[in-house]
Amino acid sequence: MADPKLVSLGDVADFLTGFPFKSADYTDDPSGIRLLRGDNIIQGVLRWQGVKRWPASLADQGELYRLIQDDVVLAMDRPWIEAGLKYAALSDNDCPALLVQRVTRLRGTDHIDARFLRYVIGGRQFTDYVLAVQTGTAVPHISGGQIKAFKFLLPDMVEQR
């Protein structure tokens, strides 16, 4: 096994921030696609009570923002609350869902295993980093650039798995 390499999160993970879906188009129709917002993310899990939905007829408009199993999501506004970091990994039961603005999606690549990525984001080192770099007092925020700049030691793929 090779020695771990110091990498930036943005160099090894597929990174995407959400889209500002127009609230005027939201629907209560249960056939609509769930919209994953920061409010849906709690520490390590997603909650779907009171979820906003996007009409199935407009699904093509959000295709780039479609989430899949093992995607890791992180709230960019109020990323840390007293209970902990607001992040989660999607399960098969959480899909389909679309990514809304002020939420980041990280996805595994050839460089980083999706399950290992979840542990990087859920680890103490990342939480400490978020607490150190978030800005704002009324609504603390972390930017996409700050998330991508996080540095950590990345083992080879065999060890990640």
N, C-alpha and C. Protein backbone atom coordinates (compact mmCIF):
# COMPACT_ATOMS: atom_id res chain seq x y z
N MET A 1 0.83 -1.19 0.00
CA MET A 1 0.00 0.00 0.00
C MET A 1 0.87 1.25 0.00
N ALA A 2 0.46 2.21 -0.78
CA ALA A 2 1.19 3.47 -0.88
C ALA A 2 0.89 4.35 0.32
N ASP A 3 1.82 5.25 0.61
CA ASP A 3 1.60 6.21 1.68
C ASP A 3 0.45 7.14 1.29
N PRO A 4 -0.34 7.58 2.29
CA PRO A 4 -1.43 8.53 2.00
C PRO A 4 -0.86 9.83 1.41
N LYS A 5 -1.63 10.45 0.53
CA LYS A 5 -1.23 11.71 -0.10
C LYS A 5 -2.06 12.85 0.48
N LEU A 6 -1.43 14.00 0.67
CA LEU A 6 -2.16 15.19 1.10
C LEU A 6 -2.87 15.76 -0.12
N VAL A 7 -4.19 15.86 -0.06
CA VAL A 7 -4.99 16.33 -1.18
C VAL A 7 -6.01 17.36 -0.70
N SER A 8 -6.55 18.09 -1.65
CA SER A 8 -7.68 18.99 -1.39
C SER A 8 -8.94 18.26 -1.81
N LEU A 9 -10.00 18.46 -1.05
CA LEU A 9 -11.27 17.80 -1.33
C LEU A 9 -11.73 18.06 -2.76
N GLY A 10 -11.59 19.29 -3.23
CA GLY A 10 -12.01 19.64 -4.58
C GLY A 10 -11.22 18.96 -5.68
N ASP A 11 -10.02 18.46 -5.35
CA ASP A 11 -9.20 17.78 -6.35
C ASP A 11 -9.56 16.31 -6.51
N VAL A 12 -10.26 15.74 -5.53
CA VAL A 12 -10.52 14.30 -5.59
C VAL A 12 -12.00 13.93 -5.63
N ALA A 13 -12.88 14.81 -5.19
CA ALA A 13 -14.32 14.52 -5.16
C ALA A 13 -15.04 15.32 -6.24
N ASP A 14 -16.12 14.78 -6.75
CA ASP A 14 -16.98 15.49 -7.69
C ASP A 14 -17.86 16.42 -6.85
N PHE A 15 -17.79 17.71 -7.11
CA PHE A 15 -18.39 18.74 -6.28
C PHE A 15 -19.47 19.49 -7.06
N LEU A 16 -20.61 19.73 -6.43
CA LEU A 16 -21.69 20.49 -7.06
C LEU A 16 -22.47 21.23 -5.98
N THR A 17 -22.79 22.50 -6.25
CA THR A 17 -23.70 23.22 -5.36
C THR A 17 -25.07 23.23 -6.03
N GLY A 18 -26.10 23.34 -5.20
CA GLY A 18 -27.47 23.21 -5.67
C GLY A 18 -27.97 24.35 -6.53
N PHE A 19 -29.16 24.14 -7.07
CA PHE A 19 -29.79 25.06 -8.00
C PHE A 19 -30.91 25.84 -7.30
N PRO A 20 -31.11 27.12 -7.66
CA PRO A 20 -32.21 27.89 -7.05
C PRO A 20 -33.55 27.61 -7.73
N PHE A 21 -34.10 26.42 -7.47
CA PHE A 21 -35.41 26.09 -8.03
C PHE A 21 -36.42 27.14 -7.58
N LYS A 22 -37.27 27.60 -8.48
CA LYS A 22 -38.24 28.65 -8.17
C LYS A 22 -39.33 28.10 -7.25
N SER A 23 -39.48 28.73 -6.10
CA SER A 23 -40.47 28.26 -5.13
C SER A 23 -41.89 28.36 -5.68
N ALA A 24 -42.12 29.24 -6.63
CA ALA A 24 -43.46 29.36 -7.22
C ALA A 24 -43.87 28.07 -7.95
N ASP A 25 -42.88 27.26 -8.35
CA ASP A 25 -43.16 26.02 -9.06
C ASP A 25 -43.23 24.80 -8.13
N TYR A 26 -42.95 24.97 -6.85
CA TYR A 26 -43.02 23.84 -5.91
C TYR A 26 -44.43 23.25 -5.94
N THR A 27 -44.53 21.98 -5.61
CA THR A 27 -45.81 21.31 -5.60
C THR A 27 -45.96 20.47 -4.33
N ASP A 28 -47.20 20.23 -3.95
CA ASP A 28 -47.49 19.31 -2.84
C ASP A 28 -47.84 17.93 -3.37
N ASP A 29 -47.84 17.78 -4.68
CA ASP A 29 -48.18 16.50 -5.31
C ASP A 29 -47.13 15.46 -4.92
N PRO A 30 -47.54 14.35 -4.29
CA PRO A 30 -46.58 13.33 -3.86
C PRO A 30 -45.82 12.67 -5.01
N SER A 31 -46.28 12.86 -6.25
CA SER A 31 -45.54 12.30 -7.38
C SER A 31 -44.37 13.20 -7.77
N GLY A 32 -44.29 14.40 -7.18
CA GLY A 32 -43.18 15.30 -7.45
C GLY A 32 -41.88 14.78 -6.85
N ILE A 33 -40.78 15.31 -7.32
CA ILE A 33 -39.45 14.88 -6.86
C ILE A 33 -39.07 15.70 -5.63
N ARG A 34 -38.59 15.03 -4.59
CA ARG A 34 -38.21 15.73 -3.37
C ARG A 34 -37.04 16.69 -3.65
N LEU A 35 -37.12 17.85 -3.03
CA LEU A 35 -36.06 18.85 -3.11
C LEU A 35 -35.26 18.82 -1.81
N LEU A 36 -33.99 18.52 -1.92
CA LEU A 36 -33.15 18.44 -0.74
C LEU A 36 -32.58 19.81 -0.43
N ARG A 37 -33.05 20.37 0.68
CA ARG A 37 -32.61 21.69 1.15
C ARG A 37 -31.84 21.50 2.46
N GLY A 38 -31.21 22.55 2.92
CA GLY A 38 -30.46 22.49 4.17
C GLY A 38 -31.32 22.05 5.34
N ASP A 39 -32.61 22.42 5.31
CA ASP A 39 -33.53 22.03 6.39
C ASP A 39 -33.74 20.53 6.47
N ASN A 40 -33.48 19.82 5.38
CA ASN A 40 -33.68 18.37 5.37
C ASN A 40 -32.49 17.60 5.94
N ILE A 41 -31.39 18.29 6.18
CA ILE A 41 -30.16 17.62 6.62
C ILE A 41 -30.00 17.79 8.12
N ILE A 42 -29.86 16.67 8.81
CA ILE A 42 -29.48 16.70 10.22
C ILE A 42 -28.23 15.85 10.34
N GLN A 43 -27.72 15.69 11.48
CA GLN A 43 -26.43 15.07 11.69
C GLN A 43 -26.42 13.60 11.25
N GLY A 44 -25.90 13.38 10.03
CA GLY A 44 -25.71 12.04 9.52
C GLY A 44 -26.92 11.43 8.82
N VAL A 45 -28.08 12.07 8.87
CA VAL A 45 -29.28 11.52 8.23
C VAL A 45 -30.09 12.64 7.58
N LEU A 46 -31.02 12.21 6.75
CA LEU A 46 -31.94 13.15 6.11
C LEU A 46 -33.32 12.98 6.71
N ARG A 47 -34.05 14.08 6.81
CA ARG A 47 -35.44 14.00 7.25
C ARG A 47 -36.29 14.60 6.14
N TRP A 48 -37.35 13.91 5.85
CA TRP A 48 -38.18 14.29 4.72
C TRP A 48 -39.55 14.82 5.13
N GLN A 49 -39.84 14.97 6.41
CA GLN A 49 -41.12 15.52 6.84
C GLN A 49 -41.23 16.96 6.32
N GLY A 50 -42.38 17.28 5.75
CA GLY A 50 -42.60 18.63 5.25
C GLY A 50 -41.75 19.00 4.05
N VAL A 51 -41.28 18.01 3.32
CA VAL A 51 -40.39 18.26 2.18
C VAL A 51 -41.11 19.04 1.08
N LYS A 52 -40.36 19.90 0.43
CA LYS A 52 -40.84 20.59 -0.76
C LYS A 52 -40.58 19.67 -1.95
N ARG A 53 -41.43 19.77 -2.97
CA ARG A 53 -41.30 18.90 -4.15
C ARG A 53 -41.27 19.72 -5.43
N TRP A 54 -40.63 19.13 -6.43
CA TRP A 54 -40.54 19.71 -7.76
C TRP A 54 -41.44 18.89 -8.68
N PRO A 55 -42.25 19.56 -9.51
CA PRO A 55 -43.17 18.81 -10.36
C PRO A 55 -42.44 17.81 -11.27
N ALA A 56 -42.97 16.61 -11.35
CA ALA A 56 -42.38 15.58 -12.22
C ALA A 56 -42.34 16.06 -13.66
N SER A 57 -43.31 16.88 -14.06
CA SER A 57 -43.35 17.40 -15.43
C SER A 57 -42.16 18.32 -15.74
N LEU A 58 -41.50 18.86 -14.70
CA LEU A 58 -40.35 19.75 -14.89
C LEU A 58 -39.03 19.07 -14.53
N ALA A 59 -39.05 17.76 -14.39
CA ALA A 59 -37.87 17.02 -13.93
C ALA A 59 -36.65 17.25 -14.81
N ASP A 60 -36.84 17.40 -16.12
CA ASP A 60 -35.70 17.61 -17.02
C ASP A 60 -34.92 18.87 -16.67
N GLN A 61 -35.59 19.89 -16.13
CA GLN A 61 -34.92 21.14 -15.77
C GLN A 61 -33.89 20.93 -14.66
N GLY A 62 -34.10 19.91 -13.84
CA GLY A 62 -33.20 19.69 -12.70
C GLY A 62 -32.30 18.49 -12.84
N GLU A 63 -32.20 17.93 -14.02
CA GLU A 63 -31.46 16.66 -14.19
C GLU A 63 -30.02 16.74 -13.70
N LEU A 64 -29.33 17.83 -13.93
CA LEU A 64 -27.95 17.99 -13.46
C LEU A 64 -27.85 17.89 -11.94
N TYR A 65 -28.94 18.22 -11.25
CA TYR A 65 -28.95 18.29 -9.79
C TYR A 65 -29.58 17.05 -9.14
N ARG A 66 -29.78 16.00 -9.93
CA ARG A 66 -30.35 14.75 -9.42
C ARG A 66 -29.32 14.05 -8.54
N LEU A 67 -29.75 13.68 -7.35
CA LEU A 67 -28.88 13.01 -6.39
C LEU A 67 -29.01 11.49 -6.53
N ILE A 68 -27.92 10.79 -6.20
CA ILE A 68 -27.92 9.34 -6.28
C ILE A 68 -27.43 8.76 -4.95
N GLN A 69 -27.66 7.48 -4.79
CA GLN A 69 -27.23 6.78 -3.57
C GLN A 69 -25.73 7.02 -3.35
N ASP A 70 -25.35 7.21 -2.10
CA ASP A 70 -23.98 7.43 -1.63
C ASP A 70 -23.47 8.86 -1.83
N ASP A 71 -24.25 9.74 -2.51
CA ASP A 71 -23.85 11.14 -2.55
C ASP A 71 -23.81 11.66 -1.11
N VAL A 72 -22.85 12.52 -0.83
CA VAL A 72 -22.74 13.16 0.48
C VAL A 72 -23.19 14.60 0.31
N VAL A 73 -24.10 15.04 1.17
CA VAL A 73 -24.61 16.40 1.10
C VAL A 73 -24.25 17.15 2.39
N LEU A 74 -24.01 18.44 2.23
CA LEU A 74 -23.60 19.29 3.34
C LEU A 74 -24.34 20.61 3.24
N ALA A 75 -24.98 21.03 4.32
CA ALA A 75 -25.63 22.34 4.37
C ALA A 75 -24.56 23.42 4.37
N MET A 76 -24.70 24.42 3.51
CA MET A 76 -23.73 25.50 3.44
C MET A 76 -24.11 26.66 4.36
N ASP A 77 -25.39 26.83 4.63
CA ASP A 77 -25.86 27.81 5.62
C ASP A 77 -26.08 27.06 6.92
N ARG A 78 -25.56 27.63 7.99
CA ARG A 78 -25.61 26.95 9.29
C ARG A 78 -25.10 25.51 9.17
N PRO A 79 -23.87 25.33 8.66
CA PRO A 79 -23.36 23.98 8.46
C PRO A 79 -23.14 23.23 9.77
N TRP A 80 -22.98 23.97 10.85
CA TRP A 80 -22.78 23.34 12.15
C TRP A 80 -23.79 23.95 13.11
N ILE A 81 -24.50 23.10 13.80
CA ILE A 81 -25.39 23.53 14.87
C ILE A 81 -24.96 22.80 16.13
N GLU A 82 -25.53 23.13 17.24
CA GLU A 82 -25.10 22.56 18.52
C GLU A 82 -25.04 21.04 18.50
N ALA A 83 -25.94 20.42 17.76
CA ALA A 83 -25.97 18.95 17.69
C ALA A 83 -24.86 18.38 16.80
N GLY A 84 -24.22 19.23 15.97
CA GLY A 84 -23.13 18.75 15.13
C GLY A 84 -23.23 19.26 13.70
N LEU A 85 -22.37 18.70 12.85
CA LEU A 85 -22.27 19.09 11.46
C LEU A 85 -23.49 18.59 10.69
N LYS A 86 -24.03 19.44 9.85
CA LYS A 86 -25.23 19.09 9.06
C LYS A 86 -24.78 18.48 7.72
N TYR A 87 -24.59 17.17 7.74
CA TYR A 87 -24.21 16.43 6.54
C TYR A 87 -24.91 15.08 6.58
N ALA A 88 -25.02 14.44 5.43
CA ALA A 88 -25.59 13.09 5.37
C ALA A 88 -25.18 12.45 4.05
N ALA A 89 -25.26 11.13 4.01
CA ALA A 89 -25.07 10.38 2.76
C ALA A 89 -26.43 9.83 2.36
N LEU A 90 -26.74 9.92 1.08
CA LEU A 90 -28.04 9.46 0.60
C LEU A 90 -28.07 7.94 0.51
N SER A 91 -29.18 7.39 0.93
CA SER A 91 -29.43 5.97 0.76
C SER A 91 -30.33 5.80 -0.46
N ASP A 92 -30.55 4.58 -0.85
CA ASP A 92 -31.44 4.30 -1.97
C ASP A 92 -32.85 4.83 -1.69
N ASN A 93 -33.27 4.79 -0.41
CA ASN A 93 -34.60 5.28 -0.03
C ASN A 93 -34.74 6.79 -0.14
N ASP A 94 -33.62 7.52 -0.20
CA ASP A 94 -33.65 8.98 -0.30
C ASP A 94 -33.78 9.46 -1.74
N CYS A 95 -33.67 8.56 -2.67
CA CYS A 95 -33.72 8.91 -4.09
C CYS A 95 -35.07 8.54 -4.68
N PRO A 96 -35.58 9.29 -5.63
CA PRO A 96 -34.95 10.44 -6.27
C PRO A 96 -35.10 11.72 -5.43
N ALA A 97 -34.15 12.60 -5.62
CA ALA A 97 -34.16 13.90 -4.98
C ALA A 97 -33.31 14.85 -5.82
N LEU A 98 -33.59 16.14 -5.70
CA LEU A 98 -32.85 17.16 -6.42
C LEU A 98 -32.17 18.09 -5.41
N LEU A 99 -30.99 18.57 -5.77
CA LEU A 99 -30.16 19.40 -4.90
C LEU A 99 -30.52 20.87 -5.05
N VAL A 100 -30.86 21.52 -3.94
CA VAL A 100 -31.26 22.92 -3.94
C VAL A 100 -30.09 23.80 -3.50
N GLN A 101 -30.13 25.06 -3.89
CA GLN A 101 -29.08 26.02 -3.55
C GLN A 101 -28.76 26.01 -2.06
N ARG A 102 -27.53 26.41 -1.75
CA ARG A 102 -27.01 26.47 -0.39
C ARG A 102 -26.80 25.09 0.23
N VAL A 103 -26.77 24.08 -0.63
CA VAL A 103 -26.41 22.72 -0.23
C VAL A 103 -25.37 22.23 -1.23
N THR A 104 -24.36 21.55 -0.74
CA THR A 104 -23.31 21.00 -1.57
C THR A 104 -23.47 19.50 -1.68
N ARG A 105 -23.19 18.99 -2.87
CA ARG A 105 -23.16 17.55 -3.09
C ARG A 105 -21.74 17.14 -3.43
N LEU A 106 -21.23 16.15 -2.71
CA LEU A 106 -19.93 15.57 -3.00
C LEU A 106 -20.16 14.12 -3.43
N ARG A 107 -19.46 13.71 -4.47
CA ARG A 107 -19.65 12.37 -5.02
C ARG A 107 -18.28 11.72 -5.19
N GLY A 108 -18.22 10.44 -4.93
CA GLY A 108 -16.99 9.69 -5.12
C GLY A 108 -16.54 9.71 -6.57
N THR A 109 -15.25 9.49 -6.77
CA THR A 109 -14.64 9.49 -8.11
C THR A 109 -13.66 8.32 -8.18
N ASP A 110 -12.84 8.32 -9.22
CA ASP A 110 -11.79 7.31 -9.34
C ASP A 110 -10.73 7.50 -8.25
N HIS A 111 -10.71 8.67 -7.62
CA HIS A 111 -9.71 8.99 -6.60
C HIS A 111 -10.17 8.73 -5.18
N ILE A 112 -11.49 8.83 -4.96
CA ILE A 112 -12.00 8.69 -3.59
C ILE A 112 -13.29 7.88 -3.59
N ASP A 113 -13.31 6.85 -2.78
CA ASP A 113 -14.47 5.98 -2.64
C ASP A 113 -15.61 6.76 -1.97
N ALA A 114 -16.82 6.58 -2.45
CA ALA A 114 -17.97 7.32 -1.91
C ALA A 114 -18.15 7.09 -0.42
N ARG A 115 -17.96 5.86 0.03
CA ARG A 115 -18.14 5.59 1.46
C ARG A 115 -17.02 6.21 2.28
N PHE A 116 -15.81 6.24 1.75
CA PHE A 116 -14.70 6.89 2.45
C PHE A 116 -14.94 8.40 2.51
N LEU A 117 -15.49 8.96 1.44
CA LEU A 117 -15.80 10.38 1.41
C LEU A 117 -16.75 10.75 2.54
N ARG A 118 -17.73 9.90 2.80
CA ARG A 118 -18.68 10.14 3.90
C ARG A 118 -17.93 10.24 5.23
N TYR A 119 -16.93 9.39 5.43
CA TYR A 119 -16.18 9.43 6.68
C TYR A 119 -15.27 10.65 6.76
N VAL A 120 -14.74 11.11 5.64
CA VAL A 120 -13.94 12.34 5.63
C VAL A 120 -14.81 13.52 6.07
N ILE A 121 -16.00 13.66 5.47
CA ILE A 121 -16.88 14.78 5.79
C ILE A 121 -17.41 14.67 7.22
N GLY A 122 -17.66 13.47 7.69
CA GLY A 122 -18.18 13.28 9.04
C GLY A 122 -17.13 13.28 10.12
N GLY A 123 -15.86 13.38 9.73
CA GLY A 123 -14.77 13.31 10.70
C GLY A 123 -14.53 14.61 11.46
N ARG A 124 -13.88 14.48 12.58
CA ARG A 124 -13.60 15.63 13.45
C ARG A 124 -12.74 16.68 12.76
N GLN A 125 -11.79 16.24 11.92
CA GLN A 125 -10.90 17.18 11.23
C GLN A 125 -11.71 18.11 10.32
N PHE A 126 -12.69 17.58 9.60
CA PHE A 126 -13.50 18.43 8.72
C PHE A 126 -14.39 19.35 9.54
N THR A 127 -14.99 18.83 10.62
CA THR A 127 -15.82 19.67 11.48
C THR A 127 -15.02 20.83 12.04
N ASP A 128 -13.83 20.56 12.54
CA ASP A 128 -12.97 21.63 13.07
C ASP A 128 -12.65 22.66 11.99
N TYR A 129 -12.40 22.18 10.79
CA TYR A 129 -12.13 23.08 9.66
C TYR A 129 -13.33 23.98 9.39
N VAL A 130 -14.52 23.41 9.31
CA VAL A 130 -15.74 24.19 9.05
C VAL A 130 -15.91 25.26 10.13
N LEU A 131 -15.75 24.88 11.38
CA LEU A 131 -15.91 25.83 12.47
C LEU A 131 -14.90 26.98 12.37
N ALA A 132 -13.70 26.69 11.84
CA ALA A 132 -12.66 27.71 11.74
C ALA A 132 -12.88 28.66 10.56
N VAL A 133 -13.47 28.17 9.46
CA VAL A 133 -13.56 29.00 8.27
C VAL A 133 -14.94 29.58 7.97
N GLN A 134 -15.98 29.08 8.64
CA GLN A 134 -17.32 29.61 8.33
C GLN A 134 -17.37 31.09 8.65
N THR A 135 -18.18 31.81 7.89
CA THR A 135 -18.30 33.26 8.06
C THR A 135 -19.73 33.61 8.41
N GLY A 136 -19.91 34.79 8.93
CA GLY A 136 -21.24 35.27 9.28
C GLY A 136 -21.60 34.91 10.71
N THR A 137 -22.40 35.75 11.34
CA THR A 137 -22.81 35.49 12.72
C THR A 137 -24.28 35.10 12.81
N ALA A 138 -25.16 35.86 12.14
CA ALA A 138 -26.58 35.54 12.19
C ALA A 138 -26.86 34.21 11.48
N VAL A 139 -26.26 34.05 10.30
CA VAL A 139 -26.39 32.81 9.53
C VAL A 139 -24.98 32.39 9.11
N PRO A 140 -24.30 31.60 9.94
CA PRO A 140 -22.97 31.13 9.55
C PRO A 140 -23.03 30.40 8.21
N HIS A 141 -22.00 30.56 7.39
CA HIS A 141 -21.99 30.03 6.04
C HIS A 141 -20.59 29.52 5.70
N ILE A 142 -20.54 28.47 4.89
CA ILE A 142 -19.28 28.01 4.32
C ILE A 142 -19.45 28.01 2.80
N SER A 143 -18.44 28.49 2.11
CA SER A 143 -18.52 28.61 0.66
C SER A 143 -18.05 27.33 -0.02
N GLY A 144 -18.40 27.22 -1.28
CA GLY A 144 -17.93 26.08 -2.07
C GLY A 144 -16.42 26.05 -2.15
N GLY A 145 -15.81 27.22 -2.32
CA GLY A 145 -14.35 27.29 -2.38
C GLY A 145 -13.70 26.81 -1.10
N GLN A 146 -14.29 27.17 0.04
CA GLN A 146 -13.75 26.71 1.33
C GLN A 146 -13.88 25.19 1.47
N ILE A 147 -15.01 24.65 1.03
CA ILE A 147 -15.19 23.19 1.11
C ILE A 147 -14.16 22.49 0.24
N LYS A 148 -14.00 22.96 -0.99
CA LYS A 148 -13.05 22.34 -1.92
C LYS A 148 -11.61 22.46 -1.43
N ALA A 149 -11.29 23.49 -0.66
CA ALA A 149 -9.93 23.73 -0.20
C ALA A 149 -9.52 22.85 0.97
N PHE A 150 -10.46 22.15 1.61
CA PHE A 150 -10.14 21.31 2.76
C PHE A 150 -9.09 20.27 2.36
N LYS A 151 -8.02 20.22 3.15
CA LYS A 151 -6.91 19.28 2.88
C LYS A 151 -6.95 18.14 3.89
N PHE A 152 -6.65 16.94 3.40
CA PHE A 152 -6.61 15.75 4.24
C PHE A 152 -5.73 14.71 3.60
N LEU A 153 -5.37 13.70 4.39
CA LEU A 153 -4.55 12.60 3.88
C LEU A 153 -5.44 11.54 3.26
N LEU A 154 -5.17 11.23 2.00
CA LEU A 154 -5.98 10.27 1.24
C LEU A 154 -5.18 8.99 1.02
N PRO A 155 -5.63 7.88 1.63
CA PRO A 155 -4.96 6.61 1.37
C PRO A 155 -5.31 6.08 -0.01
N ASP A 156 -4.63 5.00 -0.43
CA ASP A 156 -4.96 4.43 -1.74
C ASP A 156 -6.34 3.80 -1.68
N MET A 157 -6.88 3.50 -2.85
CA MET A 157 -8.27 3.04 -2.96
C MET A 157 -8.51 1.74 -2.19
N VAL A 158 -7.56 0.85 -2.17
CA VAL A 158 -7.74 -0.42 -1.44
C VAL A 158 -7.96 -0.12 0.03
N GLU A 159 -7.15 0.74 0.61
CA GLU A 159 -7.30 1.07 2.03
C GLU A 159 -8.61 1.85 2.29
N GLN A 160 -8.99 2.71 1.37
CA GLN A 160 -10.24 3.45 1.51
C GLN A 160 -11.42 2.49 1.64
N ARG A 161 -11.39 1.47 0.81
CA ARG A 161 -12.51 0.50 0.83
C ARG A 161 -12.45 -0.38 2.05
